[in-house]
Protein backbone atom coordinates (compact mmCIF):
# COMPACT_ATOMS: atom_id res chain seq x y z
CA MET A 1 49.45 -79.72 37.35
CA ASN A 2 50.07 -82.26 34.20
CA ARG A 3 46.54 -80.47 33.01
CA VAL A 4 47.97 -78.08 33.10
CA ILE A 5 50.84 -78.44 30.96
CA SER A 6 48.29 -80.17 28.27
CA ILE A 7 45.95 -77.90 28.15
CA PHE A 8 48.71 -74.76 27.47
CA ALA A 9 50.05 -77.51 24.80
CA ALA A 10 47.04 -77.53 22.66
CA TRP A 11 46.21 -73.65 22.54
CA GLY A 12 50.34 -73.12 22.08
CA LEU A 13 49.65 -75.61 18.90
CA ALA A 14 46.63 -73.87 17.71
CA ALA A 15 48.29 -70.55 18.77
CA LEU A 16 51.26 -72.20 16.16
CA MET A 17 48.85 -73.32 13.91
CA VAL A 18 47.06 -70.11 13.22
CA LEU A 19 50.36 -67.56 13.42
CA CYS A 20 52.63 -69.86 10.93
CA ILE A 21 51.74 -68.38 7.95
CA PRO A 22 53.43 -70.34 4.61
CA GLN A 23 56.27 -68.45 2.51
CA MET A 24 55.12 -70.14 -0.32
CA SER A 25 50.68 -71.02 -0.71
CA ASP A 26 51.71 -73.37 -4.05
CA ALA A 27 52.45 -75.61 -1.74
CA LEU A 28 49.37 -76.60 -0.45
CA GLY A 29 48.26 -79.80 0.22
CA LEU A 30 46.20 -82.32 1.88
CA HIS A 31 47.25 -86.02 3.20
CA VAL A 32 45.09 -88.90 3.78
CA LYS A 33 46.55 -91.34 5.78
CA ALA A 34 45.85 -94.95 7.33
CA GLY A 35 47.85 -97.39 9.11
CA VAL A 36 49.00 -99.08 12.36
CA SER A 37 50.68 -98.20 15.49
CA LEU A 38 52.77 -100.56 17.39
CA THR A 39 52.83 -100.31 20.96
CA ARG A 40 53.83 -101.56 24.11
CA GLU A 41 51.72 -102.78 27.56
CA PRO A 42 53.75 -101.99 30.87
CA GLN A 43 54.19 -105.37 31.99
CA PHE A 44 56.56 -105.36 35.27
CA ASP A 45 56.82 -102.20 38.15
CA THR A 46 60.61 -101.47 37.69
CA PHE A 47 63.11 -101.71 34.76
CA TYR A 48 64.64 -105.06 34.74
CA GLY A 49 67.62 -104.24 31.84
CA MET A 50 67.80 -103.24 28.39
CA GLY A 51 65.75 -103.90 25.28
CA GLY A 52 61.42 -104.49 24.46
CA GLN A 53 58.49 -105.76 22.09
CA PHE A 54 55.99 -104.68 21.07
CA ASP A 55 52.52 -106.57 22.56
CA SER A 56 49.88 -104.50 20.88
CA HIS A 57 48.82 -102.27 18.15
CA ARG A 58 46.03 -99.71 17.35
CA TRP A 59 44.47 -99.32 13.93
CA MET A 60 44.65 -95.76 12.83
CA ILE A 61 43.11 -93.17 9.86
CA GLY A 62 44.45 -89.29 9.87
CA GLY A 63 44.99 -86.74 7.78
CA ASN A 64 47.91 -83.76 7.24
CA LEU A 65 47.42 -80.22 5.59
CA ASP A 66 50.97 -79.40 4.21
CA LEU A 67 50.94 -75.58 4.62
CA GLY A 68 54.09 -75.44 2.66
CA SER A 69 57.46 -74.04 3.41
CA VAL A 70 57.94 -72.20 6.44
CA MET A 71 61.16 -70.81 7.12
CA LEU A 72 63.73 -72.65 4.24
CA PRO A 73 62.46 -73.89 1.07
CA LYS A 74 62.83 -77.74 2.14
CA LEU A 75 61.11 -77.05 5.38
CA HIS A 76 57.52 -77.98 5.76
CA LEU A 77 54.90 -77.24 8.43
CA LEU A 78 52.62 -80.02 8.74
CA PRO A 79 49.93 -80.06 11.23
CA GLY A 80 47.23 -82.97 11.30
CA LEU A 81 44.86 -85.14 13.19
CA ASP A 82 44.75 -89.04 13.88
CA ILE A 83 43.13 -91.48 15.25
CA ALA A 84 43.54 -94.36 16.80
CA ALA A 85 41.09 -97.17 17.97
CA GLN A 86 42.61 -100.35 20.32
CA GLU A 87 39.70 -102.45 21.38
CA ASN A 88 37.84 -99.86 24.07
CA LEU A 89 40.82 -96.78 23.71
CA ARG A 90 40.41 -94.15 20.92
CA VAL A 91 42.52 -91.64 20.50
CA TYR A 92 42.56 -88.66 18.85
CA ALA A 93 45.76 -86.55 18.42
CA VAL A 94 46.15 -83.33 17.32
CA ASN A 95 49.98 -82.66 15.66
CA LEU A 96 52.21 -79.94 14.44
CA ASP A 97 55.46 -81.49 12.53
CA VAL A 98 57.51 -79.59 10.30
CA VAL A 99 59.33 -81.86 7.98
CA TYR A 100 62.67 -81.26 5.97
CA PHE A 101 62.63 -82.71 2.08
CA PHE A 102 66.08 -84.18 2.27
CA HIS A 103 66.54 -86.08 -1.03
CA GLN A 104 64.38 -84.58 -3.89
CA THR A 105 63.93 -86.51 -7.61
CA PRO A 106 61.69 -85.50 -10.52
CA VAL A 107 59.28 -88.04 -9.33
CA GLY A 108 59.71 -88.64 -5.73
CA ARG A 109 60.96 -87.47 -2.61
CA ALA A 110 62.47 -88.06 1.04
CA TYR A 111 62.32 -86.75 4.60
CA PHE A 112 62.28 -86.65 8.02
CA GLY A 113 61.58 -84.48 11.02
CA GLY A 114 59.79 -83.68 14.19
CA GLY A 115 57.64 -81.90 16.19
CA PHE A 116 54.84 -82.56 19.24
CA GLY A 117 50.77 -83.90 19.30
CA THR A 118 48.31 -83.42 22.26
CA HIS A 119 46.71 -87.20 22.45
CA PHE A 120 43.21 -86.92 24.09
CA PHE A 121 42.34 -90.38 25.13
CA ARG A 122 38.77 -92.01 25.29
CA PRO A 123 38.37 -95.05 27.09
CA GLN A 124 34.68 -96.79 25.75
CA ILE A 125 32.82 -98.67 28.04
CA ALA A 126 32.18 -102.57 27.23
CA SER A 127 28.52 -103.73 27.42
CA ASP A 128 29.28 -106.92 28.44
CA ALA A 129 31.28 -105.55 31.77
CA ILE A 130 28.66 -103.40 33.08
CA GLU A 131 27.61 -106.56 35.25
CA SER A 132 31.22 -105.93 37.82
CA GLU A 133 30.87 -103.81 40.69
CA SER A 134 33.86 -102.25 39.49
CA ALA A 135 32.48 -101.02 35.81
CA VAL A 136 29.24 -99.89 36.89
CA GLU A 137 30.79 -97.56 39.67
CA GLU A 138 32.27 -95.89 36.66
CA SER A 139 30.07 -95.87 34.16
CA VAL A 140 28.15 -93.56 37.34
CA ASP A 141 31.64 -91.55 37.47
CA GLY A 142 31.85 -92.04 33.69
CA PRO A 143 34.86 -93.71 31.92
CA GLN A 144 38.89 -91.75 32.93
CA ASN A 145 39.96 -89.92 30.31
CA ASP A 146 43.61 -88.14 29.58
CA THR A 147 45.62 -85.99 28.20
CA LYS A 148 49.57 -86.69 27.08
CA ILE A 149 51.52 -84.45 24.81
CA SER A 150 54.24 -86.36 22.54
CA LEU A 151 57.72 -85.94 20.83
CA ASN A 152 57.11 -87.10 16.58
CA LEU A 153 59.63 -87.93 14.51
CA PRO A 154 58.62 -89.00 11.69
CA LEU A 155 60.51 -90.19 8.27
CA GLY A 156 58.84 -90.73 4.95
CA TYR A 157 58.85 -90.97 1.01
CA GLN A 158 56.55 -89.53 -1.33
CA ARG A 159 56.49 -90.82 -4.67
CA LYS A 160 54.30 -88.80 -7.63
CA LEU A 161 51.64 -90.35 -9.73
CA SER A 162 50.21 -87.26 -11.29
CA PRO A 163 51.26 -83.57 -10.80
CA MET A 164 48.43 -83.66 -8.53
CA LEU A 165 48.68 -86.66 -6.67
CA ALA A 166 51.42 -88.73 -5.13
CA TRP A 167 51.02 -91.80 -2.60
CA PHE A 168 53.33 -91.95 0.44
CA GLY A 169 54.82 -93.97 3.07
CA GLU A 170 55.87 -92.76 6.46
CA MET A 171 57.18 -93.99 9.84
CA LYS A 172 56.98 -92.39 12.99
CA LEU A 173 58.52 -92.43 16.30
CA ILE A 174 55.94 -90.90 19.30
CA ILE A 175 58.00 -90.93 22.47
CA ALA A 176 55.42 -89.87 24.96
CA ASP A 177 56.42 -90.28 28.95
CA ASP A 178 54.64 -93.50 29.48
CA GLU A 179 55.60 -96.49 28.10
CA LYS A 180 51.59 -96.96 27.12
CA ASP A 181 51.56 -94.11 25.14
CA SER A 182 54.63 -94.43 23.33
CA ALA A 183 54.24 -95.90 19.61
CA LEU A 184 56.17 -96.68 16.33
CA GLN A 185 52.90 -95.81 13.68
CA PHE A 186 53.57 -96.84 9.97
CA THR A 187 51.42 -95.62 7.53
CA ILE A 188 50.58 -95.34 3.85
CA GLY A 189 48.35 -92.69 1.58
CA PHE A 190 47.58 -90.32 -0.50
CA ARG A 191 48.36 -86.78 -1.34
CA PHE A 192 47.09 -84.21 -2.99
CA GLY A 193 47.68 -81.29 -4.51
CA ASN A 194 50.39 -79.25 -5.21
CA GLU A 195 54.54 -80.26 -4.32
């Protein structure tokens, strides 16, 4: 059932990217970013109280395409792709975020938003672990792949360097159905194109 929902969500995101034609095509821009995602590995099978800590991280690179305003002049559609790496795990995430620019000055603007993502988890088999019996069985069957749906909550700031170039910093809260799939992502990058 979870696989059916994931496939439906992936096709739904693709359809939204095609069907959502922006009102202002002059606001087209490309965001290129790199950063780190802080994650948690569950240590207990049961819940023991409030709070928590981040105990692992994933390095990530990615990009977004700013398609301009959707329904309001300050509301922009940003489909994107992120690739994260953590030891023996690769995560490919396809995102569809909508951001609202709530503060604008001649040199910078701040935004917050929300959206959905589809995360494709692809574990890698370590070459030194092949001797173990479980690794041999896994290599015969292939590594277990997993697909998850997440809710994305970005918050960021862009500062103009020239008419067609800006730098930005972004913090994104990624909420998934499992604790180990959720993350707090910090990225910096450049925005190419018109505002």
